[in-house]
Amino acid sequence: MLQFRLFANDGFQLIDIAAGQADGGSQQALAARSNINYVVQADSLARLPILGNINIVGKTIVEAEAFLQAKYAKFYVSPFVILNITNKRVIVFPGTGSSAKVVSLSNNNTTLIEVLALVGGISANSKANRIKIVRQTKTKKDVYLIDLSTIEGIQEGSIIVQANDIIYVEPNPNLAREALGDITPIVSLLSSALFIWATLTTIKNTP
């Protein structure tokens, strides 16, 4: 999903409005244009004003802006294009036993540490040295193992996440808690049986 804005004269109108020199009508028009999103379809085409269907898949934001500026130069004087992807997100499994969280990426250069901070950080029940980023490429899935338990590993946390990455924080198993969870039903059953036996014994011995 692309947010697309186009200005002529190398963005003169954008700067003019930002400086507060435009009238209210122009400011409203700018706001209206800023809120329009364009979908990149499954066939890699996006339908943009004047140009119609055009393929910008495989380009970075900067490359796509330069590409579109060259296309719009046929219709406008020194066009200035601003692009922003509005539906980038990653899925985070925080390793706490709770459900996964979907994190929207509002910035183009969001790091792994920033994403983990958005979901509350790494808990005591998670392994800071076993953080995996699963990334789908055209042919396979790449897995990156990140260790944030050391000062040196913090540098690895500066890796830029990409849209649709899956971030998995390996949980730290609590054997005592798991064992207690396994035996609790048995203890409860034995307690109930003992209570029934004691009750029947009391009734039997009552004169």
C-alpha atoms as a PDB file:
ATOM      1  CA  MET A   1       0.000   0.000   0.000  1.00  0.00           C
ATOM      2  CA  LEU A   2       1.622   3.228  -1.193  1.00  0.00           C
ATOM      3  CA  GLN A   3       1.011   6.761  -0.051  1.00  0.00           C
ATOM      4  CA  PHE A   4       1.836   8.875  -3.095  1.00  0.00           C
ATOM      5  CA  ARG A   5       2.303  12.652  -3.323  1.00  0.00           C
ATOM      6  CA  LEU A   6       3.313  14.656  -6.386  1.00  0.00           C
ATOM      7  CA  PHE A   7       4.435  18.280  -6.588  1.00  0.00           C
ATOM      8  CA  ALA A   8       5.813  20.391  -9.423  1.00  0.00           C
ATOM      9  CA  ASN A   9       8.819  22.745  -9.471  1.00  0.00           C
ATOM     10  CA  ASP A  10      11.023  20.484  -7.331  1.00  0.00           C
ATOM     11  CA  GLY A  11       8.536  20.571  -4.470  1.00  0.00           C
ATOM     12  CA  PHE A  12       8.192  24.356  -4.347  1.00  0.00           C
ATOM     13  CA  GLN A  13       4.482  24.124  -3.495  1.00  0.00           C
ATOM     14  CA  LEU A  14       5.205  21.659  -0.660  1.00  0.00           C
ATOM     15  CA  ILE A  15       7.769  24.000   0.905  1.00  0.00           C
ATOM     16  CA  ASP A  16       5.507  26.986   0.349  1.00  0.00           C
ATOM     17  CA  ILE A  17       2.612  25.310   2.170  1.00  0.00           C
ATOM     18  CA  ALA A  18       4.858  24.059   4.966  1.00  0.00           C
ATOM     19  CA  ALA A  19       5.964  27.638   5.518  1.00  0.00           C
ATOM     20  CA  GLY A  20       2.344  28.679   5.935  1.00  0.00           C
ATOM     21  CA  GLN A  21       2.279  30.891   2.831  1.00  0.00           C
ATOM     22  CA  ALA A  22      -0.502  29.045   1.036  1.00  0.00           C
ATOM     23  CA  ASP A  23      -4.188  29.701   1.486  1.00  0.00           C
ATOM     24  CA  GLY A  24      -6.476  27.349   3.385  1.00  0.00           C
ATOM     25  CA  GLY A  25      -7.862  25.783   0.222  1.00  0.00           C
ATOM     26  CA  SER A  26      -4.398  24.715  -0.948  1.00  0.00           C
ATOM     27  CA  GLN A  27      -3.618  23.266   2.471  1.00  0.00           C
ATOM     28  CA  GLN A  28      -6.828  21.241   2.410  1.00  0.00           C
ATOM     29  CA  ALA A  29      -6.017  19.997  -1.078  1.00  0.00           C
ATOM     30  CA  LEU A  30      -2.577  18.898   0.097  1.00  0.00           C
ATOM     31  CA  ALA A  31      -4.066  17.033   3.073  1.00  0.00           C
ATOM     32  CA  ALA A  32      -6.556  15.307   0.791  1.00  0.00           C
ATOM     33  CA  ARG A  33      -3.822  14.157  -1.563  1.00  0.00           C
ATOM     34  CA  SER A  34      -1.698  12.960   1.338  1.00  0.00           C
ATOM     35  CA  ASN A  35      -4.427  10.600   2.536  1.00  0.00           C
ATOM     36  CA  ILE A  36      -4.823   8.692  -0.750  1.00  0.00           C
ATOM     37  CA  ASN A  37      -3.316   5.211  -0.867  1.00  0.00           C
ATOM     38  CA  TYR A  38      -2.524   3.173  -3.964  1.00  0.00           C
ATOM     39  CA  VAL A  39      -2.365  -0.619  -3.958  1.00  0.00           C
ATOM     40  CA  VAL A  40       0.430  -2.586  -5.603  1.00  0.00           C
ATOM     41  CA  GLN A  41      -1.451  -5.518  -7.098  1.00  0.00           C
ATOM     42  CA  ALA A  42      -0.339  -9.152  -7.243  1.00  0.00           C
ATOM     43  CA  ASP A  43       0.810  -8.595 -10.837  1.00  0.00           C
ATOM     44  CA  SER A  44       3.302  -5.960  -9.513  1.00  0.00           C
ATOM     45  CA  LEU A  45       1.360  -3.077 -11.091  1.00  0.00           C
ATOM     46  CA  ALA A  46       0.127   0.024  -9.283  1.00  0.00           C
ATOM     47  CA  ARG A  47      -2.389   2.333 -10.922  1.00  0.00           C
ATOM     48  CA  LEU A  48      -1.152   5.891 -10.439  1.00  0.00           C
ATOM     49  CA  PRO A  49      -2.653   9.186 -11.622  1.00  0.00           C
ATOM     50  CA  ILE A  50      -1.955  10.049 -15.292  1.00  0.00           C
ATOM     51  CA  LEU A  51       0.592   7.227 -15.696  1.00  0.00           C
ATOM     52  CA  GLY A  52      -1.950   4.449 -15.261  1.00  0.00           C
ATOM     53  CA  ASN A  53      -0.641   0.975 -14.472  1.00  0.00           C
ATOM     54  CA  ILE A  54       3.074   1.051 -13.753  1.00  0.00           C
ATOM     55  CA  ASN A  55       5.537  -1.423 -12.251  1.00  0.00           C
ATOM     56  CA  ILE A  56       7.761  -0.189  -9.421  1.00  0.00           C
ATOM     57  CA  VAL A  57       8.335  -3.537  -7.690  1.00  0.00           C
ATOM     58  CA  GLY A  58      11.969  -4.336  -6.917  1.00  0.00           C
ATOM     59  CA  LYS A  59      12.962  -0.709  -6.407  1.00  0.00           C
ATOM     60  CA  THR A  60      13.880   1.019  -3.174  1.00  0.00           C
ATOM     61  CA  ILE A  61      11.847   4.036  -2.078  1.00  0.00           C
ATOM     62  CA  VAL A  62      14.504   6.412  -3.418  1.00  0.00           C
ATOM     63  CA  GLU A  63      14.769   4.526  -6.716  1.00  0.00           C
ATOM     64  CA  ALA A  64      10.985   4.459  -7.126  1.00  0.00           C
ATOM     65  CA  GLU A  65      10.723   8.201  -6.436  1.00  0.00           C
ATOM     66  CA  ALA A  66      13.403   8.961  -9.039  1.00  0.00           C
ATOM     67  CA  PHE A  67      11.741   6.596 -11.518  1.00  0.00           C
ATOM     68  CA  LEU A  68       8.342   8.250 -11.112  1.00  0.00           C
ATOM     69  CA  GLN A  69       9.811  11.740 -11.279  1.00  0.00           C
ATOM     70  CA  ALA A  70      11.293  10.849 -14.667  1.00  0.00           C
ATOM     71  CA  LYS A  71       7.910   9.555 -15.837  1.00  0.00           C
ATOM     72  CA  TYR A  72       6.006  12.614 -14.608  1.00  0.00           C
ATOM     73  CA  ALA A  73       8.554  14.962 -16.216  1.00  0.00           C
ATOM     74  CA  LYS A  74       6.564  14.505 -19.436  1.00  0.00           C
ATOM     75  CA  PHE A  75       3.594  16.245 -17.814  1.00  0.00           C
ATOM     76  CA  TYR A  76       5.013  18.540 -15.095  1.00  0.00           C
ATOM     77  CA  VAL A  77       7.944  20.909 -14.718  1.00  0.00           C
ATOM     78  CA  SER A  78      10.587  19.393 -12.407  1.00  0.00           C
ATOM     79  CA  PRO A  79       8.207  16.979 -10.629  1.00  0.00           C
ATOM     80  CA  PHE A  80       8.879  16.063  -7.014  1.00  0.00           C
ATOM     81  CA  VAL A  81       7.522  12.698  -5.792  1.00  0.00           C
ATOM     82  CA  ILE A  82       7.165  11.509  -2.187  1.00  0.00           C
ATOM     83  CA  LEU A  83       6.433   7.822  -1.583  1.00  0.00           C
ATOM     84  CA  ASN A  84       5.717   6.013   1.657  1.00  0.00           C
ATOM     85  CA  ILE A  85       4.704   2.404   2.273  1.00  0.00           C
ATOM     86  CA  THR A  86       1.828   2.472   4.755  1.00  0.00           C
ATOM     87  CA  ASN A  87       1.171  -1.214   5.470  1.00  0.00           C
ATOM     88  CA  LYS A  88       4.610  -2.580   6.385  1.00  0.00           C
ATOM     89  CA  ARG A  89       4.496  -4.849   9.411  1.00  0.00           C
ATOM     90  CA  VAL A  90       6.330  -7.661  11.173  1.00  0.00           C
ATOM     91  CA  ILE A  91       5.096 -10.494  13.380  1.00  0.00           C
ATOM     92  CA  VAL A  92       6.753 -10.928  16.776  1.00  0.00           C
ATOM     93  CA  PHE A  93       6.627 -14.029  18.978  1.00  0.00           C
ATOM     94  CA  PRO A  94       7.962 -12.531  22.237  1.00  0.00           C
ATOM     95  CA  GLY A  95       8.769 -15.854  23.907  1.00  0.00           C
ATOM     96  CA  THR A  96       6.631 -15.208  26.971  1.00  0.00           C
ATOM     97  CA  GLY A  97       3.970 -17.784  26.228  1.00  0.00           C
ATOM     98  CA  SER A  98       1.542 -15.091  25.145  1.00  0.00           C
ATOM     99  CA  SER A  99       0.116 -14.685  21.657  1.00  0.00           C
ATOM    100  CA  ALA A 100       2.107 -13.184  18.792  1.00  0.00           C
ATOM    101  CA  LYS A 101       1.953  -9.464  18.113  1.00  0.00           C
ATOM    102  CA  VAL A 102       1.757  -7.632  14.796  1.00  0.00           C
ATOM    103  CA  VAL A 103       3.909  -4.490  14.753  1.00  0.00           C
ATOM    104  CA  SER A 104       3.397  -1.823  12.093  1.00  0.00           C
ATOM    105  CA  LEU A 105       6.572  -0.251  10.730  1.00  0.00           C
ATOM    106  CA  SER A 106       6.054   3.483  10.454  1.00  0.00           C
ATOM    107  CA  ASN A 107       9.707   4.157   9.569  1.00  0.00           C
ATOM    108  CA  ASN A 108      11.685   2.816   6.633  1.00  0.00           C
ATOM    109  CA  ASN A 109      14.700   1.964   8.815  1.00  0.00           C
ATOM    110  CA  THR A 110      13.258   0.271  11.900  1.00  0.00           C
ATOM    111  CA  THR A 111      15.765  -1.885  13.781  1.00  0.00           C
ATOM    112  CA  LEU A 112      15.244  -5.169  15.597  1.00  0.00           C
ATOM    113  CA  ILE A 113      15.825  -3.483  18.967  1.00  0.00           C
ATOM    114  CA  GLU A 114      13.125  -0.908  18.209  1.00  0.00           C
ATOM    115  CA  VAL A 115      10.620  -3.640  17.325  1.00  0.00           C
ATOM    116  CA  LEU A 116      11.384  -5.558  20.521  1.00  0.00           C
ATOM    117  CA  ALA A 117      10.972  -2.345  22.509  1.00  0.00           C
ATOM    118  CA  LEU A 118       7.537  -1.838  20.939  1.00  0.00           C
ATOM    119  CA  VAL A 119       6.358  -5.226  22.263  1.00  0.00           C
ATOM    120  CA  GLY A 120       7.696  -4.615  25.766  1.00  0.00           C
ATOM    121  CA  GLY A 121      11.280  -5.811  25.441  1.00  0.00           C
ATOM    122  CA  ILE A 122      12.755  -9.198  26.320  1.00  0.00           C
ATOM    123  CA  SER A 123      11.269 -10.741  29.453  1.00  0.00           C
ATOM    124  CA  ALA A 124      13.040 -12.803  32.088  1.00  0.00           C
ATOM    125  CA  ASN A 125      11.392 -15.926  30.648  1.00  0.00           C
ATOM    126  CA  SER A 126      12.964 -15.397  27.218  1.00  0.00           C
ATOM    127  CA  LYS A 127      16.425 -16.106  25.865  1.00  0.00           C
ATOM    128  CA  ALA A 128      18.123 -12.878  24.799  1.00  0.00           C
ATOM    129  CA  ASN A 129      20.807 -14.928  23.064  1.00  0.00           C
ATOM    130  CA  ARG A 130      18.335 -16.859  20.899  1.00  0.00           C
ATOM    131  CA  ILE A 131      16.420 -14.368  18.787  1.00  0.00           C
ATOM    132  CA  LYS A 132      15.599 -15.434  15.260  1.00  0.00           C
ATOM    133  CA  ILE A 133      14.533 -13.367  12.265  1.00  0.00           C
ATOM    134  CA  VAL A 134      12.805 -15.424   9.585  1.00  0.00           C
ATOM    135  CA  ARG A 135      12.782 -13.630   6.242  1.00  0.00           C
ATOM    136  CA  GLN A 136      11.136 -14.865   3.067  1.00  0.00           C
ATOM    137  CA  THR A 137      13.092 -14.304  -0.134  1.00  0.00           C
ATOM    138  CA  LYS A 138      12.010 -15.139  -3.670  1.00  0.00           C
ATOM    139  CA  THR A 139      13.270 -18.717  -3.433  1.00  0.00           C
ATOM    140  CA  LYS A 140      13.638 -19.604   0.259  1.00  0.00           C
ATOM    141  CA  LYS A 141      13.427 -18.506   3.865  1.00  0.00           C
ATOM    142  CA  ASP A 142      16.528 -16.990   5.445  1.00  0.00           C
ATOM    143  CA  VAL A 143      17.002 -17.309   9.216  1.00  0.00           C
ATOM    144  CA  TYR A 144      19.213 -14.891  11.156  1.00  0.00           C
ATOM    145  CA  LEU A 145      20.231 -15.782  14.716  1.00  0.00           C
ATOM    146  CA  ILE A 146      20.771 -12.702  16.899  1.00  0.00           C
ATOM    147  CA  ASP A 147      22.414 -12.646  20.341  1.00  0.00           C
ATOM    148  CA  LEU A 148      21.441  -9.618  22.448  1.00  0.00           C
ATOM    149  CA  SER A 149      22.816 -10.976  25.715  1.00  0.00           C
ATOM    150  CA  THR A 150      26.214  -9.270  25.316  1.00  0.00           C
ATOM    151  CA  ILE A 151      27.425  -5.748  24.583  1.00  0.00           C
ATOM    152  CA  GLU A 152      28.945  -6.982  21.339  1.00  0.00           C
ATOM    153  CA  GLY A 153      25.649  -8.578  20.370  1.00  0.00           C
ATOM    154  CA  ILE A 154      23.794  -5.294  20.777  1.00  0.00           C
ATOM    155  CA  GLN A 155      25.368  -4.209  17.501  1.00  0.00           C
ATOM    156  CA  GLU A 156      23.576  -7.104  15.818  1.00  0.00           C
ATOM    157  CA  GLY A 157      20.326  -5.661  17.139  1.00  0.00           C
ATOM    158  CA  SER A 158      20.780  -2.727  14.786  1.00  0.00           C
ATOM    159  CA  ILE A 159      19.807  -4.947  11.847  1.00  0.00           C
ATOM    160  CA  ILE A 160      17.026  -3.323   9.816  1.00  0.00           C
ATOM    161  CA  VAL A 161      13.860  -5.413   9.794  1.00  0.00           C
ATOM    162  CA  GLN A 162      11.903  -5.798   6.595  1.00  0.00           C
ATOM    163  CA  ALA A 163       8.191  -6.041   5.936  1.00  0.00           C
ATOM    164  CA  ASN A 164       6.732  -9.485   6.711  1.00  0.00           C
ATOM    165  CA  ASP A 165       9.713 -10.572   8.822  1.00  0.00           C
ATOM    166  CA  ILE A 166       8.908 -13.038  11.596  1.00  0.00           C
ATOM    167  CA  ILE A 167      10.779 -12.343  14.833  1.00  0.00           C
ATOM    168  CA  TYR A 168      10.903 -15.281  17.231  1.00  0.00           C
ATOM    169  CA  VAL A 169      12.328 -14.948  20.745  1.00  0.00           C
ATOM    170  CA  GLU A 170      13.078 -18.398  22.105  1.00  0.00           C
ATOM    171  CA  PRO A 171      11.427 -18.965  25.496  1.00  0.00           C
ATOM    172  CA  ASN A 172      13.443 -19.940  28.542  1.00  0.00           C
ATOM    173  CA  PRO A 173      11.803 -23.133  29.837  1.00  0.00           C
ATOM    174  CA  ASN A 174      10.869 -23.149  33.516  1.00  0.00           C
ATOM    175  CA  LEU A 175      11.153 -26.832  34.400  1.00  0.00           C
ATOM    176  CA  ALA A 176       9.769 -26.404  37.924  1.00  0.00           C
ATOM    177  CA  ARG A 177       6.704 -24.565  36.659  1.00  0.00           C
ATOM    178  CA  GLU A 178       6.124 -27.120  33.904  1.00  0.00           C
ATOM    179  CA  ALA A 179       6.497 -30.014  36.336  1.00  0.00           C
ATOM    180  CA  LEU A 180       4.049 -28.369  38.729  1.00  0.00           C
ATOM    181  CA  GLY A 181       1.589 -27.913  35.903  1.00  0.00           C
ATOM    182  CA  ASP A 182       1.879 -31.604  35.028  1.00  0.00           C
ATOM    183  CA  ILE A 183       1.346 -32.938  38.567  1.00  0.00           C
ATOM    184  CA  THR A 184      -1.332 -30.453  39.667  1.00  0.00           C
ATOM    185  CA  PRO A 185      -4.221 -32.508  38.157  1.00  0.00           C
ATOM    186  CA  ILE A 186      -2.873 -35.666  39.811  1.00  0.00           C
ATOM    187  CA  VAL A 187      -2.545 -33.972  43.194  1.00  0.00           C
ATOM    188  CA  SER A 188      -6.063 -32.590  42.852  1.00  0.00           C
ATOM    189  CA  LEU A 189      -7.447 -36.040  42.038  1.00  0.00           C
ATOM    190  CA  LEU A 190      -5.653 -37.633  44.999  1.00  0.00           C
ATOM    191  CA  SER A 191      -6.880 -34.863  47.324  1.00  0.00           C
ATOM    192  CA  SER A 192     -10.473 -35.423  46.202  1.00  0.00           C
ATOM    193  CA  ALA A 193     -10.162 -39.181  46.677  1.00  0.00           C
ATOM    194  CA  LEU A 194      -8.647 -38.724  50.152  1.00  0.00           C
ATOM    195  CA  PHE A 195     -11.438 -36.327  51.138  1.00  0.00           C
ATOM    196  CA  ILE A 196     -14.114 -38.772  50.019  1.00  0.00           C
ATOM    197  CA  TRP A 197     -12.395 -41.636  51.858  1.00  0.00           C
ATOM    198  CA  ALA A 198     -12.121 -39.586  55.062  1.00  0.00           C
ATOM    199  CA  THR A 199     -15.767 -38.556  54.827  1.00  0.00           C
ATOM    200  CA  LEU A 200     -16.963 -42.135  54.327  1.00  0.00           C
ATOM    201  CA  THR A 201     -14.771 -43.329  57.199  1.00  0.00           C
ATOM    202  CA  THR A 202     -16.198 -40.665  59.504  1.00  0.00           C
ATOM    203  CA  ILE A 203     -19.769 -41.561  58.576  1.00  0.00           C
ATOM    204  CA  LYS A 204     -19.074 -45.281  59.082  1.00  0.00           C
ATOM    205  CA  ASN A 205     -17.583 -44.727  62.560  1.00  0.00           C
ATOM    206  CA  THR A 206     -20.339 -42.382  63.682  1.00  0.00           C
ATOM    207  CA  PRO A 207     -22.661 -44.237  66.228  1.00  0.00           C
END
